[in-house]
Protein backbone atom coordinates (compact mmCIF):
# COMPACT_ATOMS: atom_id res chain seq x y z
CA MET A 1 79.77 -39.46 11.14
CA ALA A 2 79.38 -39.78 7.39
CA GLY A 3 75.92 -41.37 7.62
CA THR A 4 74.33 -38.19 8.93
CA PHE A 5 73.04 -35.91 6.22
CA ILE A 6 74.81 -32.54 6.31
CA TYR A 7 72.67 -29.70 5.08
CA THR A 8 74.97 -27.28 3.31
CA SER A 9 74.54 -24.97 0.37
CA LYS A 10 75.87 -27.79 -1.82
CA THR A 11 72.85 -30.09 -1.62
CA MET A 12 69.65 -30.78 -3.52
CA GLU A 13 66.66 -33.06 -3.43
CA ALA A 14 65.37 -35.00 -6.40
CA GLU A 15 63.25 -37.98 -7.41
CA VAL A 16 65.04 -41.13 -8.59
CA THR A 17 63.61 -42.20 -11.93
CA SER A 18 65.81 -45.22 -12.64
CA VAL A 19 68.90 -47.09 -11.52
CA ILE A 20 71.61 -47.78 -14.13
CA ASP A 21 74.01 -49.84 -12.04
CA GLY A 22 75.26 -50.06 -8.47
CA ASP A 23 76.80 -46.59 -8.39
CA THR A 24 74.84 -44.66 -11.05
CA PHE A 25 71.20 -43.59 -11.29
CA ARG A 26 68.93 -41.04 -12.93
CA ILE A 27 66.99 -38.28 -11.20
CA ARG A 28 64.35 -35.71 -12.01
CA THR A 29 65.05 -32.38 -10.34
CA ASP A 30 62.34 -30.18 -8.88
CA GLU A 31 62.80 -28.02 -12.00
CA GLY A 32 61.90 -31.02 -14.18
CA ASP A 33 65.41 -31.66 -15.54
CA THR A 34 66.76 -35.21 -15.78
CA GLU A 35 70.33 -35.92 -14.69
CA LYS A 36 72.61 -38.90 -14.17
CA VAL A 37 74.17 -39.15 -10.73
CA ARG A 38 77.39 -41.02 -9.93
CA LEU A 39 77.95 -41.92 -6.29
CA LEU A 40 81.13 -40.39 -4.88
CA LEU A 41 84.06 -42.30 -3.39
CA ILE A 42 82.80 -45.75 -4.33
CA ASP A 43 82.96 -48.13 -7.27
CA THR A 44 80.76 -51.15 -7.92
CA PRO A 45 81.38 -53.96 -10.44
CA GLU A 46 80.44 -53.17 -14.05
CA ILE A 47 77.41 -54.68 -15.73
CA GLY A 48 78.52 -54.35 -19.38
CA ASP A 49 77.88 -57.18 -21.88
CA GLU A 50 78.95 -59.79 -19.34
CA PRO A 51 78.30 -58.60 -15.79
CA GLU A 52 81.23 -58.81 -13.42
CA PRO A 53 80.61 -60.78 -10.23
CA TYR A 54 78.24 -58.93 -7.90
CA ALA A 55 77.42 -56.24 -10.51
CA LEU A 56 73.77 -57.29 -10.75
CA GLU A 57 73.53 -57.63 -6.96
CA ALA A 58 74.93 -54.09 -6.53
CA ARG A 59 72.46 -52.72 -9.09
CA ASP A 60 69.54 -54.59 -7.51
CA TYR A 61 70.48 -53.37 -4.03
CA THR A 62 70.74 -49.75 -5.21
CA GLU A 63 67.42 -50.13 -7.01
CA GLU A 64 65.79 -51.51 -3.86
CA LEU A 65 67.06 -48.49 -1.91
CA LEU A 66 66.37 -45.79 -4.49
CA ALA A 67 63.66 -46.74 -7.01
CA GLY A 68 60.90 -44.15 -6.91
CA GLN A 69 62.39 -42.48 -3.84
CA ARG A 70 63.19 -38.86 -3.11
CA VAL A 71 66.89 -38.52 -2.41
CA HIS A 72 68.99 -35.89 -0.77
CA LEU A 73 72.19 -35.34 -2.74
CA GLU A 74 75.23 -33.89 -1.03
CA PHE A 75 78.04 -32.59 -3.20
CA ASP A 76 81.74 -32.52 -2.39
CA GLU A 77 84.23 -30.30 -4.25
CA SER A 78 83.39 -31.32 -7.84
CA GLU A 79 79.85 -31.01 -9.13
CA ARG A 80 80.32 -33.16 -12.27
CA ASP A 81 82.65 -35.76 -13.74
CA GLN A 82 84.11 -35.84 -17.27
CA TYR A 83 80.90 -37.53 -18.51
CA GLY A 84 78.66 -34.72 -17.23
CA ARG A 85 77.20 -36.81 -14.40
CA LEU A 86 76.46 -35.16 -11.07
CA LEU A 87 78.81 -36.44 -8.37
CA ALA A 88 77.15 -36.90 -4.99
CA TYR A 89 76.63 -38.70 -1.72
CA ALA A 90 73.02 -39.91 -1.81
CA TYR A 91 70.74 -40.19 1.23
CA VAL A 92 67.41 -41.94 1.62
CA ASP A 93 65.69 -41.80 5.02
CA ASP A 94 68.88 -40.26 6.47
CA GLN A 95 70.96 -43.26 5.38
CA MET A 96 73.86 -42.72 2.98
CA VAL A 97 73.58 -45.07 0.01
CA ASN A 98 77.34 -44.88 -0.65
CA GLU A 99 78.03 -46.26 2.83
CA LEU A 100 75.37 -48.95 2.60
CA LEU A 101 76.93 -50.35 -0.59
CA LEU A 102 80.33 -50.52 1.15
CA GLU A 103 78.81 -52.16 4.25
CA GLN A 104 77.16 -54.84 2.09
CA GLY A 105 80.44 -55.69 0.32
CA LEU A 106 79.04 -54.51 -3.01
CA ALA A 107 81.51 -51.63 -3.55
CA ARG A 108 85.08 -50.61 -3.02
CA VAL A 109 86.43 -47.21 -2.03
CA ALA A 110 87.53 -45.25 -5.11
CA VAL A 111 89.25 -41.92 -4.44
CA PHE A 112 89.29 -39.15 -7.00
CA PRO A 113 90.57 -35.96 -5.38
CA PRO A 114 89.43 -33.39 -4.51
CA ASP A 115 86.23 -35.28 -3.59
CA THR A 116 87.43 -36.92 -0.37
CA ARG A 117 85.12 -35.64 2.40
CA TYR A 118 84.29 -39.10 3.82
CA VAL A 119 87.28 -41.14 2.70
CA ASP A 120 88.44 -42.08 6.22
CA ASP A 121 84.96 -43.24 7.25
CA PHE A 122 84.55 -45.14 3.98
CA ARG A 123 87.91 -46.91 4.39
CA GLU A 124 86.84 -48.09 7.87
CA ILE A 125 83.59 -49.48 6.47
CA GLU A 126 85.46 -51.13 3.57
CA THR A 127 87.90 -52.75 5.98
CA LYS A 128 85.06 -54.36 7.95
CA ALA A 129 83.49 -55.74 4.73
CA ARG A 130 86.89 -57.00 3.53
CA GLU A 131 87.67 -58.67 6.87
CA SER A 132 84.26 -60.35 6.77
CA ARG A 133 84.87 -61.42 3.16
CA LEU A 134 81.51 -60.02 2.09
CA ARG A 135 80.54 -60.38 -1.57
CA VAL A 136 83.21 -58.64 -3.74
CA TRP A 137 85.70 -59.38 -0.97
CA SER A 138 84.91 -63.14 -1.08
CA ILE A 139 86.93 -63.61 -4.29
CA ASP A 140 90.70 -63.47 -3.82
CA ASN A 141 92.40 -60.69 -5.82
CA TYR A 142 89.09 -59.55 -7.37
CA VAL A 143 89.15 -56.07 -5.88
CA THR A 144 92.13 -53.96 -6.92
CA ASN A 145 93.04 -50.31 -6.49
CA ARG A 146 92.05 -49.80 -10.15
CA GLY A 147 88.71 -51.59 -10.12
CA PHE A 148 87.70 -55.23 -10.34
CA ASN A 149 89.82 -58.00 -11.82
CA ALA A 150 87.60 -60.20 -13.97
CA ASP A 151 90.46 -62.70 -14.50
CA ALA A 152 90.77 -63.29 -10.75
CA ALA A 153 87.02 -63.69 -10.53
CA ALA A 154 86.94 -66.22 -13.40
CA SER A 155 89.65 -68.36 -11.81
CA GLY A 156 88.27 -67.98 -8.29
CA GLN A 157 84.74 -69.22 -8.91
């Protein structure tokens, strides 16, 4: 099950120093370095100049889970993205944050191979949220395979 933390050589622990948005946060490593972390296999609405629907809710939920917490980070195949952010599955109290955001309807599955360890589990969780029309799934045509459609959100509210 994806929600169980897997201790492998590709893990680390760190302190969360701030939350940027629903799927990105900053950490301080045990060595004292600061890093940005991007949650793997999910995408939350963008905050930007005009927040997309549920962007602030996603950020607030992530902040509630992570602010000031020690997290376990589990890496997949890629360590960093093109922006230099660490790519990880994040765990607090043995709960995977990536999964919790999907369960709450605050994220969609976003696959960027080769980082696909939990894609099947994530798709199951996403399907339940979609069928329940939770949050991002409550707006017709808002969630797409390329992100979130602000035009659909504007016409659907």
